[in-house]
Amino acid sequence: MSCPNAKHGCKEKISYTDRKHEEKCIYVLCDCPLSGCDFAASSEVLSNHFRHKHGDSQIKFSYGYSFTVSLNSNDEIIVLQEEYDGKLFILNNRSMLLGNAVNLCCIGPNSSESDYSYDILATSQICKLKLQSFMKNVQQVPLATLSSELLVIPFPFGSEPLKLDICITPRVPPISFSMLWFFPQLKFFFLYCSILSYSSVFQMPNKGC
């Protein structure tokens, strides 16, 4: 039988007993995160839509480099878009009794393993609060807040808007030496990912995580 996302471009054939492909199909519909826009498509098509239709409604960033986001207490979401591959991420802000709870998620197909890790750092004159976590994929904004990994920023923490330092890094895929032998170009990709991970450990101010 055809994948349920066949009408959106998927050509995979699946069986009634094995639905693993359906769970992680890259053609699954993802909704545009902006309120009032009813566009829905695969995550790749959605990235292009957002870049061209909502270019002034996102914050651009690069993987492995720290960037600052200004967050008002009543902001529900802020959309982040990677500058080169166009991947969309959502900074969620949930108002709570004691303060604000924030986290990050990625707009993309379902996956049992996250493709990205992230850091969120909130700094005041007297303390720092930091969350390091792996990102989950969502297809709709309402699903983005359903996560147990949250950074709770208590009231009052500092002047508004809050300044959050964020860094998003792709996870380094497991690569065997045999793969590097047969596919030399993977050496450069592996080196690139390793550099990002290295920079995230040492947290180079204003340039890296």
N, C-alpha and C. Protein backbone atom coordinates (compact mmCIF):
# COMPACT_ATOMS: atom_id res chain seq x y z
N MET A 1 0.84 -1.19 0.00
CA MET A 1 0.00 0.00 0.00
C MET A 1 0.88 1.25 0.00
N SER A 2 0.33 2.35 -0.50
CA SER A 2 1.07 3.61 -0.56
C SER A 2 1.12 4.26 0.81
N CYS A 3 2.16 5.05 1.01
CA CYS A 3 2.28 5.83 2.25
C CYS A 3 1.13 6.83 2.32
N PRO A 4 0.56 7.10 3.50
CA PRO A 4 -0.50 8.10 3.63
C PRO A 4 -0.10 9.47 3.13
N ASN A 5 1.21 9.72 3.00
CA ASN A 5 1.69 11.01 2.52
C ASN A 5 2.02 10.99 1.03
N ALA A 6 1.50 9.99 0.32
CA ALA A 6 1.77 9.86 -1.11
C ALA A 6 1.31 11.10 -1.88
N LYS A 7 0.18 11.66 -1.50
CA LYS A 7 -0.33 12.84 -2.20
C LYS A 7 0.51 14.08 -1.96
N HIS A 8 1.43 13.98 -0.99
CA HIS A 8 2.33 15.11 -0.72
C HIS A 8 3.72 14.87 -1.28
N GLY A 9 3.90 13.73 -2.01
CA GLY A 9 5.17 13.50 -2.68
C GLY A 9 5.91 12.22 -2.31
N CYS A 10 5.46 11.49 -1.28
CA CYS A 10 6.17 10.28 -0.87
C CYS A 10 5.86 9.14 -1.83
N LYS A 11 6.89 8.41 -2.22
CA LYS A 11 6.74 7.31 -3.16
C LYS A 11 6.96 5.95 -2.49
N GLU A 12 7.12 5.92 -1.18
CA GLU A 12 7.37 4.68 -0.47
C GLU A 12 6.13 3.79 -0.44
N LYS A 13 6.38 2.48 -0.50
CA LYS A 13 5.32 1.50 -0.33
C LYS A 13 5.49 0.85 1.04
N ILE A 14 4.40 0.74 1.78
CA ILE A 14 4.47 0.19 3.13
C ILE A 14 3.49 -0.97 3.25
N SER A 15 3.73 -1.81 4.25
CA SER A 15 2.83 -2.94 4.49
C SER A 15 1.89 -2.61 5.63
N TYR A 16 0.83 -3.40 5.76
CA TYR A 16 -0.14 -3.16 6.83
C TYR A 16 0.46 -3.46 8.20
N THR A 17 1.47 -4.32 8.24
CA THR A 17 2.03 -4.75 9.52
C THR A 17 3.24 -3.92 9.94
N ASP A 18 3.90 -3.29 8.99
CA ASP A 18 5.09 -2.50 9.30
C ASP A 18 4.82 -1.03 9.00
N ARG A 19 4.63 -0.25 10.06
CA ARG A 19 4.28 1.16 9.89
C ARG A 19 5.43 2.08 10.32
N LYS A 20 6.65 1.54 10.36
CA LYS A 20 7.77 2.36 10.83
C LYS A 20 8.02 3.55 9.92
N HIS A 21 7.91 3.32 8.61
CA HIS A 21 8.13 4.44 7.68
C HIS A 21 7.14 5.56 7.93
N GLU A 22 5.90 5.20 8.16
CA GLU A 22 4.86 6.20 8.36
C GLU A 22 5.17 7.10 9.55
N GLU A 23 5.82 6.55 10.56
CA GLU A 23 6.12 7.31 11.77
C GLU A 23 7.19 8.38 11.54
N LYS A 24 8.05 8.18 10.53
CA LYS A 24 9.15 9.12 10.32
C LYS A 24 9.22 9.65 8.89
N CYS A 25 8.14 9.53 8.15
CA CYS A 25 8.10 9.98 6.76
C CYS A 25 8.38 11.48 6.69
N ILE A 26 9.31 11.86 5.82
CA ILE A 26 9.70 13.27 5.72
C ILE A 26 8.64 14.12 5.02
N TYR A 27 7.63 13.46 4.43
CA TYR A 27 6.58 14.20 3.72
C TYR A 27 5.36 14.46 4.60
N VAL A 28 5.44 14.11 5.88
CA VAL A 28 4.31 14.37 6.76
C VAL A 28 4.02 15.88 6.80
N LEU A 29 2.74 16.24 6.88
CA LEU A 29 2.36 17.65 6.85
C LEU A 29 2.78 18.36 8.14
N CYS A 30 3.36 19.54 7.96
CA CYS A 30 3.71 20.41 9.08
C CYS A 30 3.01 21.75 8.86
N ASP A 31 2.41 22.29 9.90
CA ASP A 31 1.67 23.54 9.80
C ASP A 31 2.60 24.74 9.94
N CYS A 32 2.29 25.78 9.22
CA CYS A 32 3.02 27.04 9.38
C CYS A 32 2.84 27.53 10.82
N PRO A 33 3.93 27.88 11.50
CA PRO A 33 3.82 28.26 12.91
C PRO A 33 3.21 29.63 13.17
N LEU A 34 3.05 30.45 12.13
CA LEU A 34 2.50 31.78 12.34
C LEU A 34 0.98 31.74 12.45
N SER A 35 0.46 32.40 13.44
CA SER A 35 -0.98 32.49 13.62
C SER A 35 -1.61 33.23 12.44
N GLY A 36 -2.69 32.67 11.91
CA GLY A 36 -3.38 33.30 10.78
C GLY A 36 -2.96 32.77 9.43
N CYS A 37 -1.90 31.96 9.38
CA CYS A 37 -1.47 31.35 8.12
C CYS A 37 -1.85 29.88 8.15
N ASP A 38 -2.61 29.43 7.16
CA ASP A 38 -3.08 28.05 7.15
C ASP A 38 -2.27 27.16 6.20
N PHE A 39 -1.07 27.60 5.82
CA PHE A 39 -0.24 26.81 4.92
C PHE A 39 0.27 25.57 5.64
N ALA A 40 0.23 24.42 4.96
CA ALA A 40 0.74 23.16 5.51
C ALA A 40 1.43 22.39 4.39
N ALA A 41 2.58 21.81 4.70
CA ALA A 41 3.35 21.06 3.70
C ALA A 41 4.43 20.27 4.44
N SER A 42 5.27 19.58 3.68
CA SER A 42 6.41 18.91 4.30
C SER A 42 7.32 19.96 4.92
N SER A 43 8.17 19.53 5.85
CA SER A 43 9.02 20.49 6.55
C SER A 43 9.95 21.24 5.59
N GLU A 44 10.40 20.57 4.54
CA GLU A 44 11.28 21.22 3.57
C GLU A 44 10.55 22.30 2.78
N VAL A 45 9.34 21.98 2.31
CA VAL A 45 8.54 22.95 1.56
C VAL A 45 8.12 24.09 2.48
N LEU A 46 7.79 23.75 3.72
CA LEU A 46 7.39 24.77 4.70
C LEU A 46 8.53 25.75 4.96
N SER A 47 9.76 25.24 5.01
CA SER A 47 10.91 26.12 5.22
C SER A 47 11.02 27.16 4.11
N ASN A 48 10.83 26.72 2.86
CA ASN A 48 10.87 27.66 1.74
C ASN A 48 9.72 28.65 1.80
N HIS A 49 8.54 28.16 2.17
CA HIS A 49 7.38 29.04 2.32
C HIS A 49 7.66 30.13 3.35
N PHE A 50 8.22 29.72 4.49
CA PHE A 50 8.44 30.69 5.56
C PHE A 50 9.50 31.70 5.16
N ARG A 51 10.53 31.24 4.49
CA ARG A 51 11.61 32.14 4.08
C ARG A 51 11.11 33.23 3.13
N HIS A 52 10.20 32.85 2.21
CA HIS A 52 9.75 33.79 1.19
C HIS A 52 8.50 34.58 1.59
N LYS A 53 7.64 34.00 2.42
CA LYS A 53 6.39 34.67 2.79
C LYS A 53 6.45 35.37 4.14
N HIS A 54 7.28 34.89 5.03
CA HIS A 54 7.33 35.46 6.39
C HIS A 54 8.77 35.81 6.78
N GLY A 55 9.51 36.32 5.81
CA GLY A 55 10.92 36.58 6.05
C GLY A 55 11.21 37.57 7.16
N ASP A 56 10.24 38.43 7.48
CA ASP A 56 10.44 39.42 8.53
C ASP A 56 9.89 38.94 9.88
N SER A 57 9.49 37.67 9.96
CA SER A 57 8.87 37.15 11.19
C SER A 57 9.72 36.07 11.84
N GLN A 58 10.99 35.98 11.44
CA GLN A 58 11.84 34.97 12.04
C GLN A 58 13.18 35.56 12.40
N ILE A 59 13.90 34.86 13.28
CA ILE A 59 15.26 35.23 13.64
C ILE A 59 16.19 34.23 12.97
N LYS A 60 17.14 34.72 12.19
CA LYS A 60 18.08 33.85 11.51
C LYS A 60 19.27 33.55 12.42
N PHE A 61 19.82 32.34 12.28
CA PHE A 61 20.97 31.95 13.07
C PHE A 61 21.76 30.92 12.29
N SER A 62 22.93 30.55 12.81
CA SER A 62 23.77 29.51 12.22
C SER A 62 24.05 28.44 13.26
N TYR A 63 24.09 27.20 12.84
CA TYR A 63 24.36 26.10 13.75
C TYR A 63 25.70 26.29 14.45
N GLY A 64 25.72 25.99 15.74
CA GLY A 64 26.95 26.02 16.50
C GLY A 64 27.39 27.38 16.97
N TYR A 65 26.63 28.42 16.64
CA TYR A 65 26.98 29.78 17.05
C TYR A 65 25.91 30.34 17.98
N SER A 66 26.35 30.95 19.06
CA SER A 66 25.43 31.52 20.02
C SER A 66 24.81 32.81 19.47
N PHE A 67 23.52 32.99 19.72
CA PHE A 67 22.83 34.22 19.31
C PHE A 67 21.85 34.60 20.41
N THR A 68 21.50 35.87 20.44
CA THR A 68 20.66 36.41 21.51
C THR A 68 19.25 36.68 21.01
N VAL A 69 18.28 36.27 21.81
CA VAL A 69 16.87 36.49 21.50
C VAL A 69 16.25 37.33 22.62
N SER A 70 15.52 38.37 22.24
CA SER A 70 14.80 39.19 23.21
C SER A 70 13.39 38.64 23.36
N LEU A 71 13.02 38.27 24.58
CA LEU A 71 11.74 37.61 24.83
C LEU A 71 10.91 38.42 25.80
N ASN A 72 9.73 38.86 25.35
CA ASN A 72 8.77 39.50 26.26
C ASN A 72 7.97 38.43 26.99
N SER A 73 7.50 38.74 28.18
CA SER A 73 6.81 37.74 29.00
C SER A 73 5.53 37.23 28.35
N ASN A 74 4.92 38.03 27.46
CA ASN A 74 3.68 37.61 26.81
C ASN A 74 3.89 37.00 25.43
N ASP A 75 5.13 36.88 24.99
CA ASP A 75 5.42 36.20 23.71
C ASP A 75 5.15 34.71 23.88
N GLU A 76 4.35 34.14 23.00
CA GLU A 76 4.06 32.70 23.07
C GLU A 76 5.10 31.89 22.32
N ILE A 77 5.45 32.33 21.12
CA ILE A 77 6.48 31.65 20.35
C ILE A 77 7.34 32.67 19.61
N ILE A 78 8.57 32.27 19.32
CA ILE A 78 9.44 33.01 18.43
C ILE A 78 10.01 32.00 17.44
N VAL A 79 9.89 32.29 16.16
CA VAL A 79 10.34 31.36 15.12
C VAL A 79 11.80 31.65 14.77
N LEU A 80 12.60 30.61 14.76
CA LEU A 80 14.01 30.70 14.40
C LEU A 80 14.23 29.91 13.11
N GLN A 81 15.04 30.45 12.20
CA GLN A 81 15.31 29.75 10.94
C GLN A 81 16.81 29.73 10.68
N GLU A 82 17.34 28.52 10.46
CA GLU A 82 18.76 28.38 10.19
C GLU A 82 19.08 29.03 8.85
N GLU A 83 20.17 29.75 8.80
CA GLU A 83 20.44 30.62 7.66
C GLU A 83 20.72 29.86 6.37
N TYR A 84 21.30 28.66 6.47
CA TYR A 84 21.74 27.97 5.26
C TYR A 84 20.78 26.88 4.81
N ASP A 85 20.35 25.99 5.72
CA ASP A 85 19.45 24.92 5.28
C ASP A 85 17.98 25.27 5.47
N GLY A 86 17.69 26.41 6.12
CA GLY A 86 16.31 26.89 6.25
C GLY A 86 15.48 26.16 7.27
N LYS A 87 16.07 25.26 8.05
CA LYS A 87 15.32 24.50 9.05
C LYS A 87 14.65 25.44 10.04
N LEU A 88 13.39 25.11 10.39
CA LEU A 88 12.61 25.95 11.29
C LEU A 88 12.60 25.38 12.71
N PHE A 89 12.75 26.28 13.68
CA PHE A 89 12.71 25.92 15.10
C PHE A 89 11.78 26.88 15.81
N ILE A 90 11.22 26.43 16.92
CA ILE A 90 10.29 27.26 17.68
C ILE A 90 10.80 27.43 19.10
N LEU A 91 10.94 28.67 19.52
CA LEU A 91 11.20 28.99 20.92
C LEU A 91 9.85 29.18 21.59
N ASN A 92 9.53 28.29 22.51
CA ASN A 92 8.24 28.34 23.20
C ASN A 92 8.37 29.07 24.52
N ASN A 93 7.36 29.83 24.85
CA ASN A 93 7.33 30.57 26.11
C ASN A 93 5.97 30.34 26.77
N ARG A 94 6.01 29.71 27.92
CA ARG A 94 4.78 29.42 28.64
C ARG A 94 4.76 30.22 29.94
N SER A 95 3.72 31.01 30.14
CA SER A 95 3.58 31.80 31.36
C SER A 95 3.10 30.91 32.50
N MET A 96 3.81 30.97 33.63
CA MET A 96 3.47 30.17 34.80
C MET A 96 3.32 31.07 36.01
N LEU A 97 2.88 30.47 37.12
CA LEU A 97 2.64 31.25 38.33
C LEU A 97 3.93 31.89 38.84
N LEU A 98 5.04 31.18 38.74
CA LEU A 98 6.29 31.67 39.29
C LEU A 98 7.16 32.39 38.27
N GLY A 99 6.78 32.32 36.99
CA GLY A 99 7.61 32.96 35.98
C GLY A 99 7.30 32.45 34.59
N ASN A 100 8.32 32.37 33.77
CA ASN A 100 8.18 31.88 32.40
C ASN A 100 8.95 30.58 32.22
N ALA A 101 8.37 29.66 31.45
CA ALA A 101 9.03 28.40 31.12
C ALA A 101 9.30 28.37 29.62
N VAL A 102 10.54 28.16 29.23
CA VAL A 102 10.91 28.20 27.82
C VAL A 102 11.60 26.91 27.42
N ASN A 103 11.45 26.55 26.15
CA ASN A 103 12.19 25.44 25.56
C ASN A 103 12.20 25.61 24.05
N LEU A 104 12.84 24.69 23.38
CA LEU A 104 12.96 24.73 21.92
C LEU A 104 12.49 23.42 21.32
N CYS A 105 11.91 23.51 20.11
CA CYS A 105 11.55 22.31 19.36
C CYS A 105 11.81 22.58 17.89
N CYS A 106 11.82 21.51 17.11
CA CYS A 106 12.11 21.59 15.68
C CYS A 106 10.86 21.20 14.90
N ILE A 107 10.58 21.93 13.82
CA ILE A 107 9.47 21.57 12.96
C ILE A 107 9.96 20.54 11.95
N GLY A 108 9.42 19.33 12.06
CA GLY A 108 9.87 18.27 11.17
C GLY A 108 9.13 16.98 11.44
N PRO A 109 9.44 15.93 10.70
CA PRO A 109 8.76 14.64 10.84
C PRO A 109 9.04 14.00 12.19
N ASN A 110 8.16 13.10 12.58
CA ASN A 110 8.35 12.39 13.83
C ASN A 110 9.65 11.60 13.79
N SER A 111 10.31 11.51 14.93
CA SER A 111 11.53 10.75 15.02
C SER A 111 11.74 10.32 16.46
N SER A 112 12.23 9.09 16.64
CA SER A 112 12.47 8.59 17.99
C SER A 112 13.75 9.21 18.57
N GLU A 113 14.65 9.68 17.71
CA GLU A 113 15.88 10.30 18.15
C GLU A 113 15.95 11.73 17.63
N SER A 114 16.43 12.61 18.49
CA SER A 114 16.54 14.01 18.10
C SER A 114 17.77 14.22 17.23
N ASP A 115 17.64 15.10 16.25
CA ASP A 115 18.76 15.44 15.37
C ASP A 115 19.53 16.65 15.87
N TYR A 116 19.03 17.31 16.94
CA TYR A 116 19.65 18.56 17.38
C TYR A 116 19.69 18.61 18.91
N SER A 117 20.76 19.23 19.41
CA SER A 117 20.83 19.59 20.82
C SER A 117 20.82 21.11 20.91
N TYR A 118 20.49 21.62 22.09
CA TYR A 118 20.45 23.08 22.23
C TYR A 118 20.77 23.50 23.65
N ASP A 119 21.23 24.74 23.77
CA ASP A 119 21.46 25.41 25.06
C ASP A 119 20.63 26.68 25.08
N ILE A 120 20.03 26.93 26.24
CA ILE A 120 19.39 28.23 26.49
C ILE A 120 19.99 28.78 27.78
N LEU A 121 20.49 30.00 27.72
CA LEU A 121 21.11 30.64 28.88
C LEU A 121 20.41 31.96 29.16
N ALA A 122 19.92 32.10 30.39
CA ALA A 122 19.32 33.36 30.85
C ALA A 122 20.23 33.93 31.94
N THR A 123 20.59 35.20 31.82
CA THR A 123 21.55 35.81 32.74
C THR A 123 20.95 37.07 33.36
N SER A 124 21.09 37.19 34.68
CA SER A 124 20.71 38.42 35.37
C SER A 124 21.96 38.96 36.06
N GLN A 125 21.80 40.01 36.86
CA GLN A 125 22.95 40.60 37.53
C GLN A 125 23.48 39.71 38.64
N ILE A 126 22.66 38.78 39.13
CA ILE A 126 23.08 37.98 40.28
C ILE A 126 23.19 36.49 40.00
N CYS A 127 22.64 36.01 38.89
CA CYS A 127 22.71 34.57 38.64
C CYS A 127 22.54 34.24 37.17
N LYS A 128 22.79 32.96 36.84
CA LYS A 128 22.59 32.44 35.50
C LYS A 128 21.75 31.17 35.57
N LEU A 129 20.87 31.02 34.60
CA LEU A 129 20.05 29.82 34.49
C LEU A 129 20.30 29.22 33.12
N LYS A 130 20.53 27.90 33.08
CA LYS A 130 20.87 27.28 31.80
C LYS A 130 20.16 25.95 31.63
N LEU A 131 19.69 25.71 30.40
CA LEU A 131 19.10 24.43 30.03
C LEU A 131 19.87 23.86 28.85
N GLN A 132 20.31 22.61 28.98
CA GLN A 132 20.91 21.86 27.89
C GLN A 132 20.04 20.64 27.64
N SER A 133 19.59 20.47 26.41
CA SER A 133 18.67 19.38 26.14
C SER A 133 18.72 18.99 24.67
N PHE A 134 18.03 17.90 24.35
CA PHE A 134 17.85 17.49 22.97
C PHE A 134 16.46 17.90 22.51
N MET A 135 16.36 18.22 21.25
CA MET A 135 15.14 18.80 20.71
C MET A 135 14.22 17.72 20.15
N LYS A 136 12.93 17.90 20.36
CA LYS A 136 11.98 16.99 19.75
C LYS A 136 11.34 17.66 18.54
N ASN A 137 10.88 16.83 17.61
CA ASN A 137 10.23 17.33 16.40
C ASN A 137 8.73 17.42 16.62
N VAL A 138 8.13 18.47 16.06
CA VAL A 138 6.68 18.65 16.11
C VAL A 138 6.20 19.06 14.73
N GLN A 139 4.91 18.88 14.49
CA GLN A 139 4.31 19.28 13.22
C GLN A 139 3.32 20.43 13.39
N GLN A 140 2.99 20.74 14.64
CA GLN A 140 2.05 21.82 14.93
C GLN A 140 2.53 22.58 16.15
N VAL A 141 2.26 23.87 16.17
CA VAL A 141 2.68 24.70 17.30
C VAL A 141 2.08 24.23 18.62
N PRO A 142 0.78 23.85 18.70
CA PRO A 142 0.24 23.40 19.99
C PRO A 142 0.98 22.23 20.60
N LEU A 143 1.61 21.39 19.76
CA LEU A 143 2.35 20.25 20.27
C LEU A 143 3.71 20.65 20.82
N ALA A 144 4.14 21.86 20.48
CA ALA A 144 5.49 22.28 20.84
C ALA A 144 5.67 22.47 22.34
N THR A 145 4.59 22.76 23.06
CA THR A 145 4.71 23.03 24.49
C THR A 145 4.63 21.76 25.33
N LEU A 146 4.32 20.62 24.70
CA LEU A 146 4.16 19.37 25.44
C LEU A 146 5.53 18.71 25.64
N SER A 147 6.31 19.27 26.50
CA SER A 147 7.64 18.75 26.76
C SER A 147 7.97 18.92 28.23
N SER A 148 8.72 17.95 28.76
CA SER A 148 9.09 18.01 30.17
C SER A 148 10.38 18.80 30.38
N GLU A 149 11.12 19.06 29.29
CA GLU A 149 12.38 19.80 29.40
C GLU A 149 12.10 21.29 29.24
N LEU A 150 12.12 21.99 30.35
CA LEU A 150 11.80 23.41 30.34
C LEU A 150 12.80 24.17 31.21
N LEU A 151 13.11 25.38 30.79
CA LEU A 151 13.89 26.29 31.63
C LEU A 151 12.92 27.26 32.26
N VAL A 152 12.79 27.19 33.58
CA VAL A 152 11.87 28.08 34.30
C VAL A 152 12.64 29.32 34.76
N ILE A 153 12.17 30.47 34.30
CA ILE A 153 12.79 31.75 34.63
C ILE A 153 11.86 32.48 35.59
N PRO A 154 12.21 32.57 36.87
CA PRO A 154 11.28 33.13 37.87
C PRO A 154 11.12 34.64 37.75
N PHE A 155 9.99 35.13 38.27
CA PHE A 155 9.76 36.57 38.40
C PHE A 155 10.33 37.04 39.72
N PRO A 156 10.91 38.24 39.83
CA PRO A 156 11.47 38.98 38.68
C PRO A 156 12.90 38.49 38.45
N PHE A 157 13.30 38.33 37.23
CA PHE A 157 14.64 37.83 36.93
C PHE A 157 15.53 38.94 36.38
N GLY A 158 14.93 39.89 35.73
CA GLY A 158 15.70 41.00 35.17
C GLY A 158 14.75 41.90 34.42
N SER A 159 15.30 42.88 33.78
CA SER A 159 14.47 43.82 33.03
C SER A 159 13.89 43.14 31.81
N GLU A 160 12.70 43.57 31.42
CA GLU A 160 12.07 43.03 30.22
C GLU A 160 12.43 43.89 29.01
N PRO A 161 12.66 43.31 27.84
CA PRO A 161 12.54 41.87 27.54
C PRO A 161 13.72 41.06 28.07
N LEU A 162 13.46 39.78 28.33
CA LEU A 162 14.51 38.88 28.75
C LEU A 162 15.49 38.66 27.61
N LYS A 163 16.75 38.57 27.93
CA LYS A 163 17.77 38.27 26.94
C LYS A 163 18.20 36.81 27.11
N LEU A 164 17.93 36.02 26.09
CA LEU A 164 18.29 34.61 26.12
C LEU A 164 19.40 34.34 25.11
N ASP A 165 20.46 33.70 25.55
CA ASP A 165 21.52 33.27 24.65
C ASP A 165 21.23 31.82 24.26
N ILE A 166 21.13 31.58 22.96
CA ILE A 166 20.71 30.28 22.44
C ILE A 166 21.77 29.73 21.50
N CYS A 167 21.97 28.44 21.56
CA CYS A 167 22.86 27.77 20.62
C CYS A 167 22.23 26.45 20.21
N ILE A 168 22.13 26.19 18.92
CA ILE A 168 21.55 24.96 18.37
C ILE A 168 22.64 24.24 17.58
N THR A 169 22.81 22.96 17.87
CA THR A 169 23.88 22.19 17.23
C THR A 169 23.34 20.87 16.71
N PRO A 170 23.64 20.52 15.45
CA PRO A 170 23.26 19.20 14.95
C PRO A 170 24.03 18.11 15.69
N ARG A 171 23.37 17.01 15.97
CA ARG A 171 24.04 15.89 16.62
C ARG A 171 24.99 15.22 15.63
N VAL A 172 26.15 14.80 16.12
CA VAL A 172 27.12 14.13 15.26
C VAL A 172 26.64 12.72 15.00
N PRO A 173 26.43 12.32 13.74
CA PRO A 173 25.96 10.97 13.45
C PRO A 173 27.07 9.95 13.65
N PRO A 174 26.72 8.71 14.05
CA PRO A 174 27.74 7.68 14.17
C PRO A 174 28.27 7.29 12.79
N ILE A 175 29.56 7.44 12.59
CA ILE A 175 30.18 7.13 11.29
C ILE A 175 31.31 6.13 11.51
N SER A 176 31.27 5.02 10.83
CA SER A 176 32.31 4.00 10.95
C SER A 176 33.48 4.33 10.05
N PHE A 177 34.64 3.73 10.34
CA PHE A 177 35.81 3.96 9.51
C PHE A 177 35.60 3.43 8.10
N SER A 178 34.83 2.35 7.97
CA SER A 178 34.57 1.81 6.64
C SER A 178 33.78 2.80 5.80
N MET A 179 32.85 3.53 6.41
CA MET A 179 32.09 4.54 5.69
C MET A 179 33.01 5.65 5.21
N LEU A 180 33.96 6.05 6.06
CA LEU A 180 34.88 7.11 5.67
C LEU A 180 35.79 6.66 4.53
N TRP A 181 36.09 5.35 4.49
CA TRP A 181 36.94 4.82 3.44
C TRP A 181 36.25 4.85 2.09
N PHE A 182 34.95 4.44 2.07
CA PHE A 182 34.23 4.36 0.81
C PHE A 182 33.62 5.70 0.40
N PHE A 183 33.40 6.59 1.39
CA PHE A 183 32.79 7.88 1.08
C PHE A 183 33.67 8.98 1.67
N PRO A 184 34.76 9.33 0.99
CA PRO A 184 35.71 10.32 1.54
C PRO A 184 35.06 11.65 1.86
N GLN A 185 33.98 12.02 1.14
CA GLN A 185 33.36 13.32 1.40
C GLN A 185 32.76 13.39 2.79
N LEU A 186 32.47 12.21 3.39
CA LEU A 186 31.92 12.21 4.74
C LEU A 186 32.94 12.70 5.76
N LYS A 187 34.24 12.61 5.40
CA LYS A 187 35.26 13.09 6.32
C LYS A 187 35.05 14.57 6.64
N PHE A 188 34.72 15.35 5.62
CA PHE A 188 34.54 16.78 5.82
C PHE A 188 33.29 17.06 6.65
N PHE A 189 32.21 16.28 6.40
CA PHE A 189 30.99 16.46 7.18
C PHE A 189 31.24 16.11 8.64
N PHE A 190 31.94 14.99 8.86
CA PHE A 190 32.23 14.56 10.22
C PHE A 190 33.09 15.60 10.94
N LEU A 191 34.09 16.14 10.23
CA LEU A 191 34.94 17.17 10.81
C LEU A 191 34.14 18.41 11.16
N TYR A 192 33.21 18.81 10.27
CA TYR A 192 32.37 19.99 10.52
C TYR A 192 31.54 19.80 11.78
N CYS A 193 30.88 18.63 11.90
CA CYS A 193 30.05 18.36 13.07
C CYS A 193 30.89 18.29 14.33
N SER A 194 32.11 17.73 14.21
CA SER A 194 32.98 17.64 15.37
C SER A 194 33.40 19.02 15.86
N ILE A 195 33.66 19.92 14.92
CA ILE A 195 34.03 21.29 15.28
C ILE A 195 32.89 21.98 16.02
N LEU A 196 31.64 21.75 15.55
CA LEU A 196 30.48 22.34 16.22
C LEU A 196 30.36 21.81 17.64
N SER A 197 30.54 20.50 17.80
CA SER A 197 30.45 19.90 19.13
C SER A 197 31.57 20.42 20.02
N TYR A 198 32.78 20.56 19.46
CA TYR A 198 33.92 21.07 20.22
C TYR A 198 33.65 22.50 20.69
N SER A 199 33.11 23.32 19.82
CA SER A 199 32.86 24.72 20.18
C SER A 199 31.77 24.81 21.23
N SER A 200 30.81 23.87 21.22
CA SER A 200 29.72 23.90 22.19
C SER A 200 30.22 23.55 23.58
N VAL A 201 31.30 22.73 23.66
CA VAL A 201 31.87 22.37 24.96
C VAL A 201 32.57 23.56 25.60
N PHE A 202 33.33 24.29 24.79
CA PHE A 202 34.10 25.40 25.33
C PHE A 202 33.36 26.72 25.31
N GLN A 203 32.19 26.76 24.68
CA GLN A 203 31.31 27.92 24.71
C GLN A 203 32.05 29.22 24.47
N MET A 204 32.52 29.36 23.26
CA MET A 204 33.21 30.59 22.87
C MET A 204 32.21 31.74 22.86
N PRO A 205 32.39 32.77 23.66
CA PRO A 205 31.40 33.85 23.79
C PRO A 205 31.15 34.56 22.49
N ASN A 206 29.84 34.71 22.19
CA ASN A 206 29.34 35.49 21.04
C ASN A 206 29.65 34.83 19.69
N LYS A 207 30.48 33.79 19.65
CA LYS A 207 30.82 33.16 18.39
C LYS A 207 30.35 31.72 18.34
N GLY A 208 30.38 31.03 19.44
CA GLY A 208 29.97 29.63 19.46
C GLY A 208 29.17 29.33 20.69
N CYS A 209 28.67 28.08 20.79
CA CYS A 209 27.87 27.70 21.95
C CYS A 209 28.70 27.71 23.20
